[in-house]
Amino acid sequence: MSKDLCREHGIGPATFNRWRRKSGEMEVTDAQTVRRLEDENRRLKELVADLTLDKKTLEYMLSKKGLRPRQKRRLAHLATADLGSAG
């Protein structure tokens, strides 16, 4: 039966067995839901990483000693303007 399925879908037996081990007894809709959730999780992790980097950059720039408040405001304005256009 698995050979027929592999031939029908154009996949190798190793791919089929790996998918079967991973999915277990899931229905197709369950597998689609898992895939969609994994994609969303990946996107959210990327967003968190980007925001963390932005925060660290701003904190570093604003923590520089010897800068006047006007210079700090200018740096913050430039950084947020650049970040706003990139996102």
C-alpha atoms as a PDB file:
ATOM      1  CA  MET A   1       0.000   0.000   0.000  1.00  0.00           C
ATOM      2  CA  SER A   2       2.762   2.483   0.906  1.00  0.00           C
ATOM      3  CA  LYS A   3       4.524   1.709  -2.391  1.00  0.00           C
ATOM      4  CA  ASP A   4       1.354   2.621  -4.263  1.00  0.00           C
ATOM      5  CA  LEU A   5       1.016   5.863  -2.324  1.00  0.00           C
ATOM      6  CA  CYS A   6       4.662   6.757  -2.955  1.00  0.00           C
ATOM      7  CA  ARG A   7       4.300   6.100  -6.661  1.00  0.00           C
ATOM      8  CA  GLU A   8       1.012   8.029  -6.834  1.00  0.00           C
ATOM      9  CA  HIS A   9       2.477  11.133  -5.157  1.00  0.00           C
ATOM     10  CA  GLY A  10       5.946  10.888  -6.632  1.00  0.00           C
ATOM     11  CA  ILE A  11       7.843  10.554  -3.357  1.00  0.00           C
ATOM     12  CA  GLY A  12      10.384   8.056  -2.125  1.00  0.00           C
ATOM     13  CA  PRO A  13       9.719   5.436   0.542  1.00  0.00           C
ATOM     14  CA  ALA A  14      12.121   7.168   2.962  1.00  0.00           C
ATOM     15  CA  THR A  15      10.187  10.431   2.643  1.00  0.00           C
ATOM     16  CA  PHE A  16       6.910   8.613   3.186  1.00  0.00           C
ATOM     17  CA  ASN A  17       8.195   6.787   6.276  1.00  0.00           C
ATOM     18  CA  ARG A  18       9.646  10.000   7.757  1.00  0.00           C
ATOM     19  CA  TRP A  19       6.329  11.797   7.245  1.00  0.00           C
ATOM     20  CA  ARG A  20       4.405   8.884   8.756  1.00  0.00           C
ATOM     21  CA  ARG A  21       6.648   8.843  11.859  1.00  0.00           C
ATOM     22  CA  LYS A  22       6.290  12.596  12.253  1.00  0.00           C
ATOM     23  CA  SER A  23       2.552  12.813  11.711  1.00  0.00           C
ATOM     24  CA  GLY A  24       1.475   9.615  13.441  1.00  0.00           C
ATOM     25  CA  GLU A  25      -2.263   9.219  13.225  1.00  0.00           C
ATOM     26  CA  MET A  26      -3.034  12.858  12.423  1.00  0.00           C
ATOM     27  CA  GLU A  27      -5.786  13.719  10.024  1.00  0.00           C
ATOM     28  CA  VAL A  28      -4.942  15.916   7.042  1.00  0.00           C
ATOM     29  CA  THR A  29      -6.622  18.942   8.627  1.00  0.00           C
ATOM     30  CA  ASP A  30      -4.585  18.426  11.809  1.00  0.00           C
ATOM     31  CA  ALA A  31      -1.361  18.273   9.804  1.00  0.00           C
ATOM     32  CA  GLN A  32      -2.332  21.462   7.956  1.00  0.00           C
ATOM     33  CA  THR A  33      -3.054  23.189  11.257  1.00  0.00           C
ATOM     34  CA  VAL A  34       0.307  22.125  12.668  1.00  0.00           C
ATOM     35  CA  ARG A  35       2.076  23.405   9.552  1.00  0.00           C
ATOM     36  CA  ARG A  36       0.245  26.730   9.738  1.00  0.00           C
ATOM     37  CA  LEU A  37       1.101  27.101  13.434  1.00  0.00           C
ATOM     38  CA  GLU A  38       4.760  26.271  12.789  1.00  0.00           C
ATOM     39  CA  ASP A  39       4.901  28.962  10.088  1.00  0.00           C
ATOM     40  CA  GLU A  40       3.258  31.504  12.383  1.00  0.00           C
ATOM     41  CA  ASN A  41       5.648  30.597  15.202  1.00  0.00           C
ATOM     42  CA  ARG A  42       8.636  31.101  12.882  1.00  0.00           C
ATOM     43  CA  ARG A  43       7.344  34.547  11.821  1.00  0.00           C
ATOM     44  CA  LEU A  44       6.747  35.559  15.437  1.00  0.00           C
ATOM     45  CA  LYS A  45      10.269  34.477  16.431  1.00  0.00           C
ATOM     46  CA  GLU A  46      11.683  36.613  13.608  1.00  0.00           C
ATOM     47  CA  LEU A  47       9.644  39.601  14.791  1.00  0.00           C
ATOM     48  CA  VAL A  48      10.850  39.186  18.367  1.00  0.00           C
ATOM     49  CA  ALA A  49      14.463  38.936  17.193  1.00  0.00           C
ATOM     50  CA  ASP A  50      14.099  42.102  15.083  1.00  0.00           C
ATOM     51  CA  LEU A  51      12.468  44.044  17.913  1.00  0.00           C
ATOM     52  CA  THR A  52      15.119  42.894  20.382  1.00  0.00           C
ATOM     53  CA  LEU A  53      17.873  44.072  18.059  1.00  0.00           C
ATOM     54  CA  ASP A  54      16.125  47.425  17.563  1.00  0.00           C
ATOM     55  CA  LYS A  55      15.755  47.862  21.329  1.00  0.00           C
ATOM     56  CA  LYS A  56      19.393  47.017  22.007  1.00  0.00           C
ATOM     57  CA  THR A  57      20.528  49.430  19.286  1.00  0.00           C
ATOM     58  CA  LEU A  58      18.496  52.283  20.743  1.00  0.00           C
ATOM     59  CA  GLU A  59      19.658  51.533  24.273  1.00  0.00           C
ATOM     60  CA  TYR A  60      23.278  51.511  23.142  1.00  0.00           C
ATOM     61  CA  MET A  61      22.950  54.782  21.263  1.00  0.00           C
ATOM     62  CA  LEU A  62      21.190  56.532  24.116  1.00  0.00           C
ATOM     63  CA  SER A  63      23.604  55.273  26.766  1.00  0.00           C
ATOM     64  CA  LYS A  64      26.608  56.960  25.164  1.00  0.00           C
ATOM     65  CA  LYS A  65      28.252  59.289  27.648  1.00  0.00           C
ATOM     66  CA  GLY A  66      29.204  62.749  26.604  1.00  0.00           C
ATOM     67  CA  LEU A  67      26.237  63.246  24.333  1.00  0.00           C
ATOM     68  CA  ARG A  68      24.005  66.186  24.972  1.00  0.00           C
ATOM     69  CA  PRO A  69      20.269  65.592  25.249  1.00  0.00           C
ATOM     70  CA  ARG A  70      19.760  67.276  21.880  1.00  0.00           C
ATOM     71  CA  GLN A  71      22.250  64.855  20.280  1.00  0.00           C
ATOM     72  CA  LYS A  72      20.556  61.869  21.910  1.00  0.00           C
ATOM     73  CA  ARG A  73      17.152  63.027  20.656  1.00  0.00           C
ATOM     74  CA  ARG A  74      18.577  63.442  17.161  1.00  0.00           C
ATOM     75  CA  LEU A  75      20.069  59.908  17.221  1.00  0.00           C
ATOM     76  CA  ALA A  76      16.805  58.440  18.506  1.00  0.00           C
ATOM     77  CA  HIS A  77      14.836  60.283  15.848  1.00  0.00           C
ATOM     78  CA  LEU A  78      17.147  59.065  13.063  1.00  0.00           C
ATOM     79  CA  ALA A  79      17.063  55.478  14.320  1.00  0.00           C
ATOM     80  CA  THR A  80      13.279  55.341  14.641  1.00  0.00           C
ATOM     81  CA  ALA A  81      12.805  57.020  11.257  1.00  0.00           C
ATOM     82  CA  ASP A  82      15.059  54.414   9.632  1.00  0.00           C
ATOM     83  CA  LEU A  83      13.352  51.552  11.461  1.00  0.00           C
ATOM     84  CA  GLY A  84       9.919  52.848  10.541  1.00  0.00           C
ATOM     85  CA  SER A  85      10.726  52.869   6.841  1.00  0.00           C
ATOM     86  CA  ALA A  86      12.281  49.375   6.953  1.00  0.00           C
ATOM     87  CA  GLY A  87       9.303  47.663   8.655  1.00  0.00           C
END
